[in-house]
Full PDB file with SEQRES, HELIX, SHEET, SSBOND, CRYST1, ORIGX, SCALE, CONECT and MASTER records, all heavy atoms in Angstrom:
SEQRES   1 A   39  ILE HIS GLY TRP PRO ARG VAL SER ARG VAL THR LEU SER          
SEQRES   2 A   39  GLN GLY GLN GLN MET MET SER VAL HIS ALA ASP ALA VAL          
SEQRES   3 A   39  ILE ILE ALA GLN ASP ARG ARG PRO MET ARG ASN ILE GLU          
SHEET    1 AA1 2 ARG A   9  GLN A  14  0                                        
SHEET    2 AA1 2 GLN A  17  HIS A  22 -1                                        
CRYST1    1.000    1.000    1.000  90.00  90.00  90.00 P 1           1          
ORIGX1      1.000000  0.000000  0.000000        0.00000                         
ORIGX2      0.000000  1.000000  0.000000        0.00000                         
ORIGX3      0.000000  0.000000  1.000000        0.00000                         
SCALE1      1.000000  0.000000  0.000000        0.00000                         
SCALE2      0.000000  1.000000  0.000000        0.00000                         
SCALE3      0.000000  0.000000  1.000000        0.00000                         
ATOM      1  N   ILE A   1      43.738 107.180 296.222  1.00  0.00           N  
ATOM      2  CA  ILE A   1      44.796 108.147 295.862  1.00  0.00           C  
ATOM      3  C   ILE A   1      44.299 109.552 295.953  1.00  0.00           C  
ATOM      4  O   ILE A   1      43.238 109.856 295.500  1.00  0.00           O  
ATOM      5  CB  ILE A   1      45.272 107.835 294.437  1.00  0.00           C  
ATOM      6  CG1 ILE A   1      45.725 106.354 294.321  1.00  0.00           C  
ATOM      7  CG2 ILE A   1      46.446 108.686 294.002  1.00  0.00           C  
ATOM      8  CD1 ILE A   1      46.030 105.892 292.898  1.00  0.00           C  
ATOM      9  N   HIS A   2      45.183 110.410 296.545  1.00  0.00           N  
ATOM     10  CA  HIS A   2      44.758 111.831 296.727  1.00  0.00           C  
ATOM     11  C   HIS A   2      45.759 112.759 296.272  1.00  0.00           C  
ATOM     12  O   HIS A   2      46.969 112.494 296.314  1.00  0.00           O  
ATOM     13  CB  HIS A   2      44.400 112.038 298.213  1.00  0.00           C  
ATOM     14  CG  HIS A   2      43.425 110.976 298.809  1.00  0.00           C  
ATOM     15  ND1 HIS A   2      42.080 111.117 298.640  1.00  0.00           N  
ATOM     16  CD2 HIS A   2      43.654 109.896 299.435  1.00  0.00           C  
ATOM     17  CE1 HIS A   2      41.508 110.061 299.196  1.00  0.00           C  
ATOM     18  NE2 HIS A   2      42.439 109.294 299.704  1.00  0.00           N  
ATOM     19  N   GLY A   3      45.380 113.946 295.883  1.00  0.00           N  
ATOM     20  CA  GLY A   3      46.222 115.009 295.382  1.00  0.00           C  
ATOM     21  C   GLY A   3      45.660 115.750 294.195  1.00  0.00           C  
ATOM     22  O   GLY A   3      44.896 115.193 293.429  1.00  0.00           O  
ATOM     23  N   TRP A   4      46.191 117.092 294.021  1.00  0.00           N  
ATOM     24  CA  TRP A   4      45.870 117.886 292.949  1.00  0.00           C  
ATOM     25  C   TRP A   4      46.910 118.924 292.734  1.00  0.00           C  
ATOM     26  O   TRP A   4      47.141 119.651 293.764  1.00  0.00           O  
ATOM     27  CB  TRP A   4      44.405 118.377 293.006  1.00  0.00           C  
ATOM     28  CG  TRP A   4      44.089 119.069 291.690  1.00  0.00           C  
ATOM     29  CD1 TRP A   4      44.107 120.439 291.458  1.00  0.00           C  
ATOM     30  CD2 TRP A   4      43.569 118.374 290.531  1.00  0.00           C  
ATOM     31  NE1 TRP A   4      43.688 120.608 290.104  1.00  0.00           N  
ATOM     32  CE2 TRP A   4      43.381 119.467 289.558  1.00  0.00           C  
ATOM     33  CE3 TRP A   4      43.366 117.057 290.219  1.00  0.00           C  
ATOM     34  CZ2 TRP A   4      43.021 119.132 288.222  1.00  0.00           C  
ATOM     35  CZ3 TRP A   4      42.990 116.813 288.915  1.00  0.00           C  
ATOM     36  CH2 TRP A   4      42.742 117.809 287.901  1.00  0.00           C  
ATOM     37  N   PRO A   5      47.402 119.141 291.544  1.00  0.00           N  
ATOM     38  CA  PRO A   5      47.155 118.322 290.338  1.00  0.00           C  
ATOM     39  C   PRO A   5      47.934 116.960 290.321  1.00  0.00           C  
ATOM     40  O   PRO A   5      47.702 116.229 289.417  1.00  0.00           O  
ATOM     41  CB  PRO A   5      47.705 119.273 289.280  1.00  0.00           C  
ATOM     42  CG  PRO A   5      48.841 120.000 289.886  1.00  0.00           C  
ATOM     43  CD  PRO A   5      48.406 120.198 291.334  1.00  0.00           C  
ATOM     44  N   ARG A   6      48.797 116.821 291.392  1.00  0.00           N  
ATOM     45  CA  ARG A   6      49.581 115.602 291.371  1.00  0.00           C  
ATOM     46  C   ARG A   6      49.374 114.761 292.637  1.00  0.00           C  
ATOM     47  O   ARG A   6      48.888 115.313 293.650  1.00  0.00           O  
ATOM     48  CB  ARG A   6      51.127 115.916 291.186  1.00  0.00           C  
ATOM     49  CG  ARG A   6      52.008 114.748 291.022  1.00  0.00           C  
ATOM     50  CD  ARG A   6      53.433 115.075 290.828  1.00  0.00           C  
ATOM     51  NE  ARG A   6      54.312 113.879 290.653  1.00  0.00           N  
ATOM     52  CZ  ARG A   6      54.447 113.191 289.648  1.00  0.00           C  
ATOM     53  NH1 ARG A   6      53.975 113.695 288.554  1.00  0.00           N  
ATOM     54  NH2 ARG A   6      55.198 112.136 289.617  1.00  0.00           N  
ATOM     55  N   VAL A   7      49.669 113.519 292.541  1.00  0.00           N  
ATOM     56  CA  VAL A   7      49.529 112.663 293.817  1.00  0.00           C  
ATOM     57  C   VAL A   7      50.306 113.260 294.993  1.00  0.00           C  
ATOM     58  O   VAL A   7      51.499 113.757 294.796  1.00  0.00           O  
ATOM     59  CB  VAL A   7      50.131 111.307 293.483  1.00  0.00           C  
ATOM     60  CG1 VAL A   7      50.075 110.374 294.749  1.00  0.00           C  
ATOM     61  CG2 VAL A   7      49.324 110.683 292.392  1.00  0.00           C  
ATOM     62  N   SER A   8      49.705 113.329 296.142  1.00  0.00           N  
ATOM     63  CA  SER A   8      50.337 113.778 297.284  1.00  0.00           C  
ATOM     64  C   SER A   8      50.377 112.787 298.444  1.00  0.00           C  
ATOM     65  O   SER A   8      51.199 112.756 299.366  1.00  0.00           O  
ATOM     66  CB  SER A   8      49.690 115.084 297.781  1.00  0.00           C  
ATOM     67  OG  SER A   8      48.384 114.953 298.148  1.00  0.00           O  
ATOM     68  N   ARG A   9      49.417 111.895 298.443  1.00  0.00           N  
ATOM     69  CA  ARG A   9      49.250 110.827 299.484  1.00  0.00           C  
ATOM     70  C   ARG A   9      48.314 109.774 298.975  1.00  0.00           C  
ATOM     71  O   ARG A   9      47.524 109.973 298.028  1.00  0.00           O  
ATOM     72  CB  ARG A   9      48.762 111.411 300.734  1.00  0.00           C  
ATOM     73  CG  ARG A   9      47.405 111.885 300.749  1.00  0.00           C  
ATOM     74  CD  ARG A   9      46.968 112.418 302.158  1.00  0.00           C  
ATOM     75  NE  ARG A   9      45.522 113.001 302.012  1.00  0.00           N  
ATOM     76  CZ  ARG A   9      44.555 112.235 302.288  1.00  0.00           C  
ATOM     77  NH1 ARG A   9      44.675 110.914 302.752  1.00  0.00           N  
ATOM     78  NH2 ARG A   9      43.323 112.690 302.248  1.00  0.00           N  
ATOM     79  N   VAL A  10      48.496 108.655 299.637  1.00  0.00           N  
ATOM     80  CA  VAL A  10      47.568 107.475 299.335  1.00  0.00           C  
ATOM     81  C   VAL A  10      47.033 106.939 300.712  1.00  0.00           C  
ATOM     82  O   VAL A  10      47.586 107.117 301.748  1.00  0.00           O  
ATOM     83  CB  VAL A  10      48.334 106.268 298.580  1.00  0.00           C  
ATOM     84  CG1 VAL A  10      48.855 106.792 297.268  1.00  0.00           C  
ATOM     85  CG2 VAL A  10      49.394 105.723 299.421  1.00  0.00           C  
ATOM     86  N   THR A  11      45.920 106.401 300.649  1.00  0.00           N  
ATOM     87  CA  THR A  11      45.281 105.793 301.819  1.00  0.00           C  
ATOM     88  C   THR A  11      45.290 104.180 301.600  1.00  0.00           C  
ATOM     89  O   THR A  11      44.897 103.711 300.646  1.00  0.00           O  
ATOM     90  CB  THR A  11      43.798 106.172 301.987  1.00  0.00           C  
ATOM     91  OG1 THR A  11      43.854 107.627 302.167  1.00  0.00           O  
ATOM     92  CG2 THR A  11      43.248 105.529 303.242  1.00  0.00           C  
ATOM     93  N   LEU A  12      45.847 103.559 302.640  1.00  0.00           N  
ATOM     94  CA  LEU A  12      45.941 102.128 302.681  1.00  0.00           C  
ATOM     95  C   LEU A  12      44.914 101.555 303.663  1.00  0.00           C  
ATOM     96  O   LEU A  12      44.625 102.171 304.659  1.00  0.00           O  
ATOM     97  CB  LEU A  12      47.314 101.568 303.094  1.00  0.00           C  
ATOM     98  CG  LEU A  12      48.468 102.237 302.290  1.00  0.00           C  
ATOM     99  CD1 LEU A  12      49.794 101.495 302.882  1.00  0.00           C  
ATOM    100  CD2 LEU A  12      48.373 102.101 300.853  1.00  0.00           C  
ATOM    101  N   SER A  13      44.452 100.353 303.457  1.00  0.00           N  
ATOM    102  CA  SER A  13      43.503  99.712 304.332  1.00  0.00           C  
ATOM    103  C   SER A  13      43.904  98.279 304.543  1.00  0.00           C  
ATOM    104  O   SER A  13      44.405  97.534 303.729  1.00  0.00           O  
ATOM    105  CB  SER A  13      42.135  99.776 303.782  1.00  0.00           C  
ATOM    106  OG  SER A  13      42.004  99.052 302.596  1.00  0.00           O  
ATOM    107  N   GLN A  14      43.588  97.837 305.822  1.00  0.00           N  
ATOM    108  CA  GLN A  14      43.827  96.421 306.256  1.00  0.00           C  
ATOM    109  C   GLN A  14      42.675  96.143 307.214  1.00  0.00           C  
ATOM    110  O   GLN A  14      42.733  96.541 308.389  1.00  0.00           O  
ATOM    111  CB  GLN A  14      45.139  96.231 306.926  1.00  0.00           C  
ATOM    112  CG  GLN A  14      45.516  94.794 307.159  1.00  0.00           C  
ATOM    113  CD  GLN A  14      46.809  94.588 307.838  1.00  0.00           C  
ATOM    114  OE1 GLN A  14      47.055  95.236 308.872  1.00  0.00           O  
ATOM    115  NE2 GLN A  14      47.702  93.912 307.161  1.00  0.00           N  
ATOM    116  N   GLY A  15      41.607  95.407 306.708  1.00  0.00           N  
ATOM    117  CA  GLY A  15      40.492  95.283 307.562  1.00  0.00           C  
ATOM    118  C   GLY A  15      39.855  96.602 307.879  1.00  0.00           C  
ATOM    119  O   GLY A  15      39.518  97.400 306.937  1.00  0.00           O  
ATOM    120  N   GLN A  16      39.672  96.883 309.248  1.00  0.00           N  
ATOM    121  CA  GLN A  16      39.147  98.212 309.604  1.00  0.00           C  
ATOM    122  C   GLN A  16      40.118  99.196 309.795  1.00  0.00           C  
ATOM    123  O   GLN A  16      39.728 100.381 310.138  1.00  0.00           O  
ATOM    124  CB  GLN A  16      38.323  97.948 310.966  1.00  0.00           C  
ATOM    125  CG  GLN A  16      37.164  96.951 310.886  1.00  0.00           C  
ATOM    126  CD  GLN A  16      36.114  97.332 309.800  1.00  0.00           C  
ATOM    127  OE1 GLN A  16      35.648  98.618 309.793  1.00  0.00           O  
ATOM    128  NE2 GLN A  16      35.675  96.382 308.923  1.00  0.00           N  
ATOM    129  N   GLN A  17      41.380  98.910 309.663  1.00  0.00           N  
ATOM    130  CA  GLN A  17      42.444  99.936 309.866  1.00  0.00           C  
ATOM    131  C   GLN A  17      42.701 100.656 308.573  1.00  0.00           C  
ATOM    132  O   GLN A  17      42.637 100.133 307.501  1.00  0.00           O  
ATOM    133  CB  GLN A  17      43.782  99.222 310.168  1.00  0.00           C  
ATOM    134  CG  GLN A  17      43.748  98.533 311.599  1.00  0.00           C  
ATOM    135  CD  GLN A  17      45.084  97.870 311.914  1.00  0.00           C  
ATOM    136  OE1 GLN A  17      45.466  96.890 311.262  1.00  0.00           O  
ATOM    137  NE2 GLN A  17      45.901  98.416 312.750  1.00  0.00           N  
ATOM    138  N   MET A  18      43.036 101.926 308.777  1.00  0.00           N  
ATOM    139  CA  MET A  18      43.204 102.820 307.658  1.00  0.00           C  
ATOM    140  C   MET A  18      44.547 103.638 307.908  1.00  0.00           C  
ATOM    141  O   MET A  18      44.952 103.861 309.103  1.00  0.00           O  
ATOM    142  CB  MET A  18      42.226 103.845 307.432  1.00  0.00           C  
ATOM    143  CG  MET A  18      40.856 103.325 307.204  1.00  0.00           C  
ATOM    144  SD  MET A  18      40.558 102.348 305.707  1.00  0.00           S  
ATOM    145  CE  MET A  18      40.648 103.708 304.508  1.00  0.00           C  
ATOM    146  N   MET A  19      45.409 103.815 306.924  1.00  0.00           N  
ATOM    147  CA  MET A  19      46.748 104.487 307.072  1.00  0.00           C  
ATOM    148  C   MET A  19      46.966 105.413 305.907  1.00  0.00           C  
ATOM    149  O   MET A  19      46.628 105.088 304.741  1.00  0.00           O  
ATOM    150  CB  MET A  19      47.814 103.397 307.102  1.00  0.00           C  
ATOM    151  CG  MET A  19      49.234 104.049 307.264  1.00  0.00           C  
ATOM    152  SD  MET A  19      50.520 102.800 307.119  1.00  0.00           S  
ATOM    153  CE  MET A  19      50.057 101.599 308.308  1.00  0.00           C  
ATOM    154  N   SER A  20      47.517 106.660 306.154  1.00  0.00           N  
ATOM    155  CA  SER A  20      47.776 107.589 305.110  1.00  0.00           C  
ATOM    156  C   SER A  20      49.363 107.518 304.940  1.00  0.00           C  
ATOM    157  O   SER A  20      50.046 107.555 305.865  1.00  0.00           O  
ATOM    158  CB  SER A  20      47.306 108.967 305.519  1.00  0.00           C  
ATOM    159  OG  SER A  20      47.704 109.918 304.444  1.00  0.00           O  
ATOM    160  N   VAL A  21      49.709 107.476 303.608  1.00  0.00           N  
ATOM    161  CA  VAL A  21      51.202 107.344 303.380  1.00  0.00           C  
ATOM    162  C   VAL A  21      51.533 108.382 302.327  1.00  0.00           C  
ATOM    163  O   VAL A  21      50.809 108.591 301.293  1.00  0.00           O  
ATOM    164  CB  VAL A  21      51.521 106.013 302.711  1.00  0.00           C  
ATOM    165  CG1 VAL A  21      52.961 105.975 302.267  1.00  0.00           C  
ATOM    166  CG2 VAL A  21      51.269 104.964 303.797  1.00  0.00           C  
ATOM    167  N   HIS A  22      52.603 109.219 302.594  1.00  0.00           N  
ATOM    168  CA  HIS A  22      53.050 110.261 301.659  1.00  0.00           C  
ATOM    169  C   HIS A  22      53.480 109.630 300.346  1.00  0.00           C  
ATOM    170  O   HIS A  22      54.269 108.702 300.423  1.00  0.00           O  
ATOM    171  CB  HIS A  22      54.169 111.144 302.336  1.00  0.00           C  
ATOM    172  CG  HIS A  22      54.773 112.089 301.314  1.00  0.00           C  
ATOM    173  ND1 HIS A  22      54.167 113.024 300.731  1.00  0.00           N  
ATOM    174  CD2 HIS A  22      56.047 112.014 300.908  1.00  0.00           C  
ATOM    175  CE1 HIS A  22      54.924 113.758 299.963  1.00  0.00           C  
ATOM    176  NE2 HIS A  22      56.229 113.130 299.947  1.00  0.00           N  
ATOM    177  N   ALA A  23      53.165 110.183 299.266  1.00  0.00           N  
ATOM    178  CA  ALA A  23      53.583 109.742 297.931  1.00  0.00           C  
ATOM    179  C   ALA A  23      53.440 110.859 296.922  1.00  0.00           C  
ATOM    180  O   ALA A  23      52.571 111.660 297.002  1.00  0.00           O  
ATOM    181  CB  ALA A  23      52.806 108.511 297.532  1.00  0.00           C  
ATOM    182  N   ASP A  24      54.330 110.871 296.033  1.00  0.00           N  
ATOM    183  CA  ASP A  24      54.167 111.792 294.780  1.00  0.00           C  
ATOM    184  C   ASP A  24      53.981 111.020 293.457  1.00  0.00           C  
ATOM    185  O   ASP A  24      53.862 111.723 292.414  1.00  0.00           O  
ATOM    186  CB  ASP A  24      55.382 112.798 294.734  1.00  0.00           C  
ATOM    187  CG  ASP A  24      56.647 112.096 294.567  1.00  0.00           C  
ATOM    188  OD1 ASP A  24      56.737 110.819 294.479  1.00  0.00           O  
ATOM    189  OD2 ASP A  24      57.695 112.747 294.470  1.00  0.00           O  
ATOM    190  N   ALA A  25      53.893 109.721 293.511  1.00  0.00           N  
ATOM    191  CA  ALA A  25      53.628 108.880 292.377  1.00  0.00           C  
ATOM    192  C   ALA A  25      53.163 107.520 292.849  1.00  0.00           C  
ATOM    193  O   ALA A  25      53.446 107.054 293.890  1.00  0.00           O  
ATOM    194  CB  ALA A  25      54.861 108.675 291.513  1.00  0.00           C  
ATOM    195  N   VAL A  26      52.219 106.968 291.968  1.00  0.00           N  
ATOM    196  CA  VAL A  26      51.735 105.602 292.286  1.00  0.00           C  
ATOM    197  C   VAL A  26      51.981 104.747 291.026  1.00  0.00           C  
ATOM    198  O   VAL A  26      51.613 105.113 290.004  1.00  0.00           O  
ATOM    199  CB  VAL A  26      50.307 105.618 292.587  1.00  0.00           C  
ATOM    200  CG1 VAL A  26      49.727 104.157 292.702  1.00  0.00           C  
ATOM    201  CG2 VAL A  26      49.901 106.413 293.802  1.00  0.00           C  
ATOM    202  N   ILE A  27      52.697 103.662 291.202  1.00  0.00           N  
ATOM    203  CA  ILE A  27      53.021 102.721 290.112  1.00  0.00           C  
ATOM    204  C   ILE A  27      52.262 101.446 290.338  1.00  0.00           C  
ATOM    205  O   ILE A  27      52.529 100.757 291.310  1.00  0.00           O  
ATOM    206  CB  ILE A  27      54.571 102.494 290.040  1.00  0.00           C  
ATOM    207  CG1 ILE A  27      55.258 103.807 289.882  1.00  0.00           C  
ATOM    208  CG2 ILE A  27      54.898 101.503 288.965  1.00  0.00           C  
ATOM    209  CD1 ILE A  27      56.781 103.656 289.892  1.00  0.00           C  
ATOM    210  N   ILE A  28      51.345 101.134 289.422  1.00  0.00           N  
ATOM    211  CA  ILE A  28      50.552  99.927 289.535  1.00  0.00           C  
ATOM    212  C   ILE A  28      51.243  98.765 288.840  1.00  0.00           C  
ATOM    213  O   ILE A  28      51.464  98.822 287.560  1.00  0.00           O  
ATOM    214  CB  ILE A  28      49.197 100.062 288.884  1.00  0.00           C  
ATOM    215  CG1 ILE A  28      48.473 101.356 289.483  1.00  0.00           C  
ATOM    216  CG2 ILE A  28      48.290  98.901 289.175  1.00  0.00           C  
ATOM    217  CD1 ILE A  28      48.213 101.242 290.919  1.00  0.00           C  
ATOM    218  N   ALA A  29      51.704  97.681 289.552  1.00  0.00           N  
ATOM    219  CA  ALA A  29      52.390  96.593 289.014  1.00  0.00           C  
ATOM    220  C   ALA A  29      51.821  95.315 289.462  1.00  0.00           C  
ATOM    221  O   ALA A  29      52.552  94.421 289.921  1.00  0.00           O  
ATOM    222  CB  ALA A  29      53.792  96.737 289.178  1.00  0.00           C  
ATOM    223  N   GLN A  30      50.523  95.277 289.521  1.00  0.00           N  
ATOM    224  CA  GLN A  30      49.838  94.035 290.095  1.00  0.00           C  
ATOM    225  C   GLN A  30      48.783  93.455 289.152  1.00  0.00           C  
ATOM    226  O   GLN A  30      48.107  94.241 288.331  1.00  0.00           O  
ATOM    227  CB  GLN A  30      49.093  94.542 291.370  1.00  0.00           C  
ATOM    228  CG  GLN A  30      48.437  93.347 292.181  1.00  0.00           C  
ATOM    229  CD  GLN A  30      47.892  93.841 293.448  1.00  0.00           C  
ATOM    230  OE1 GLN A  30      48.487  94.678 294.147  1.00  0.00           O  
ATOM    231  NE2 GLN A  30      46.728  93.372 293.829  1.00  0.00           N  
ATOM    232  N   ASP A  31      48.524  92.146 289.261  1.00  0.00           N  
ATOM    233  CA  ASP A  31      47.479  91.459 288.558  1.00  0.00           C  
ATOM    234  C   ASP A  31      47.469  91.715 287.007  1.00  0.00           C  
ATOM    235  O   ASP A  31      46.829  92.549 286.564  1.00  0.00           O  
ATOM    236  CB  ASP A  31      46.099  91.957 289.114  1.00  0.00           C  
ATOM    237  CG  ASP A  31      45.842  91.417 290.456  1.00  0.00           C  
ATOM    238  OD1 ASP A  31      46.695  90.663 290.961  1.00  0.00           O  
ATOM    239  OD2 ASP A  31      44.753  91.773 291.054  1.00  0.00           O  
ATOM    240  N   ARG A  32      48.350  90.976 286.376  1.00  0.00           N  
ATOM    241  CA  ARG A  32      48.480  91.111 284.951  1.00  0.00           C  
ATOM    242  C   ARG A  32      47.144  90.777 284.258  1.00  0.00           C  
ATOM    243  O   ARG A  32      46.542  89.811 284.545  1.00  0.00           O  
ATOM    244  CB  ARG A  32      49.665  90.175 284.453  1.00  0.00           C  
ATOM    245  CG  ARG A  32      51.001  90.715 284.815  1.00  0.00           C  
ATOM    246  CD  ARG A  32      52.080  89.812 284.181  1.00  0.00           C  
ATOM    247  NE  ARG A  32      53.426  90.333 284.536  1.00  0.00           N  
ATOM    248  CZ  ARG A  32      54.007  91.219 283.835  1.00  0.00           C  
ATOM    249  NH1 ARG A  32      53.536  91.750 282.793  1.00  0.00           N  
ATOM    250  NH2 ARG A  32      55.352  91.610 284.200  1.00  0.00           N  
ATOM    251  N   ARG A  33      46.873  91.556 283.185  1.00  0.00           N  
ATOM    252  CA  ARG A  33      45.655  91.272 282.402  1.00  0.00           C  
ATOM    253  C   ARG A  33      46.088  91.231 280.959  1.00  0.00           C  
ATOM    254  O   ARG A  33      46.972  91.944 280.580  1.00  0.00           O  
ATOM    255  CB  ARG A  33      44.656  92.461 282.567  1.00  0.00           C  
ATOM    256  CG  ARG A  33      44.304  92.816 283.983  1.00  0.00           C  
ATOM    257  CD  ARG A  33      43.572  91.603 284.709  1.00  0.00           C  
ATOM    258  NE  ARG A  33      43.335  91.918 286.078  1.00  0.00           N  
ATOM    259  CZ  ARG A  33      42.281  92.475 286.605  1.00  0.00           C  
ATOM    260  NH1 ARG A  33      41.249  92.955 285.806  1.00  0.00           N  
ATOM    261  NH2 ARG A  33      42.125  92.648 287.932  1.00  0.00           N  
ATOM    262  N   PRO A  34      45.472  90.415 280.078  1.00  0.00           N  
ATOM    263  CA  PRO A  34      45.750  90.291 278.747  1.00  0.00           C  
ATOM    264  C   PRO A  34      45.591  91.655 278.009  1.00  0.00           C  
ATOM    265  O   PRO A  34      44.591  92.410 278.289  1.00  0.00           O  
ATOM    266  CB  PRO A  34      44.815  89.245 278.163  1.00  0.00           C  
ATOM    267  CG  PRO A  34      44.294  88.489 279.302  1.00  0.00           C  
ATOM    268  CD  PRO A  34      44.294  89.445 280.506  1.00  0.00           C  
ATOM    269  N   MET A  35      46.442  91.949 277.115  1.00  0.00           N  
ATOM    270  CA  MET A  35      46.290  93.104 276.210  1.00  0.00           C  
ATOM    271  C   MET A  35      45.770  92.667 274.946  1.00  0.00           C  
ATOM    272  O   MET A  35      46.274  91.776 274.254  1.00  0.00           O  
ATOM    273  CB  MET A  35      47.665  93.770 275.988  1.00  0.00           C  
ATOM    274  CG  MET A  35      48.227  94.523 277.184  1.00  0.00           C  
ATOM    275  SD  MET A  35      49.520  95.651 276.809  1.00  0.00           S  
ATOM    276  CE  MET A  35      50.861  94.583 276.164  1.00  0.00           C  
ATOM    277  N   ARG A  36      44.599  93.234 274.570  1.00  0.00           N  
ATOM    278  CA  ARG A  36      43.853  92.734 273.333  1.00  0.00           C  
ATOM    279  C   ARG A  36      43.545  94.065 272.481  1.00  0.00           C  
ATOM    280  O   ARG A  36      42.565  94.710 272.777  1.00  0.00           O  
ATOM    281  CB  ARG A  36      42.561  92.033 273.693  1.00  0.00           C  
ATOM    282  CG  ARG A  36      42.685  90.880 274.616  1.00  0.00           C  
ATOM    283  CD  ARG A  36      43.441  89.593 273.907  1.00  0.00           C  
ATOM    284  NE  ARG A  36      42.595  89.120 272.879  1.00  0.00           N  
ATOM    285  CZ  ARG A  36      41.959  87.952 272.850  1.00  0.00           C  
ATOM    286  NH1 ARG A  36      41.970  87.205 273.985  1.00  0.00           N  
ATOM    287  NH2 ARG A  36      41.300  87.532 271.882  1.00  0.00           N  
ATOM    288  N   ASN A  37      44.429  94.403 271.640  1.00  0.00           N  
ATOM    289  CA  ASN A  37      44.279  95.705 270.970  1.00  0.00           C  
ATOM    290  C   ASN A  37      44.236  95.522 269.459  1.00  0.00           C  
ATOM    291  O   ASN A  37      44.602  96.425 268.742  1.00  0.00           O  
ATOM    292  CB  ASN A  37      45.364  96.669 271.262  1.00  0.00           C  
ATOM    293  CG  ASN A  37      46.825  96.063 271.114  1.00  0.00           C  
ATOM    294  OD1 ASN A  37      46.921  94.929 270.699  1.00  0.00           O  
ATOM    295  ND2 ASN A  37      47.835  96.751 271.405  1.00  0.00           N  
ATOM    296  N   ILE A  38      43.749  94.399 269.001  1.00  0.00           N  
ATOM    297  CA  ILE A  38      43.570  94.162 267.545  1.00  0.00           C  
ATOM    298  C   ILE A  38      42.051  94.260 267.220  1.00  0.00           C  
ATOM    299  O   ILE A  38      41.211  93.550 267.863  1.00  0.00           O  
ATOM    300  CB  ILE A  38      44.064  92.810 267.090  1.00  0.00           C  
ATOM    301  CG1 ILE A  38      45.583  92.653 267.465  1.00  0.00           C  
ATOM    302  CG2 ILE A  38      43.909  92.586 265.610  1.00  0.00           C  
ATOM    303  CD1 ILE A  38      46.157  91.365 267.240  1.00  0.00           C  
ATOM    304  N   GLU A  39      41.661  95.204 266.403  1.00  0.00           N  
ATOM    305  CA  GLU A  39      40.258  95.343 266.026  1.00  0.00           C  
ATOM    306  C   GLU A  39      39.591  94.047 265.541  1.00  0.00           C  
ATOM    307  O   GLU A  39      40.242  93.323 264.785  1.00  0.00           O  
ATOM    308  CB  GLU A  39      40.100  96.436 264.951  1.00  0.00           C  
ATOM    309  CG  GLU A  39      38.690  96.813 264.734  1.00  0.00           C  
ATOM    310  CD  GLU A  39      38.541  97.947 263.720  1.00  0.00           C  
ATOM    311  OE1 GLU A  39      39.572  98.483 263.350  1.00  0.00           O  
ATOM    312  OE2 GLU A  39      37.362  98.305 263.288  1.00  0.00           O  
TER     313      GLU A  39                                                      
MASTER        0    0    0    0    2    0    0    6  312    1    0    3          
END                                                                             
């Protein structure tokens, strides 16, 4: 992810291929993990 102070683009990869995609936000919605927030 690239940009300052805000996201301006992201780099994607597929094997040896690379691609730049314009973006102003990145929303992560992958691979759920347990939330454990009790001391």
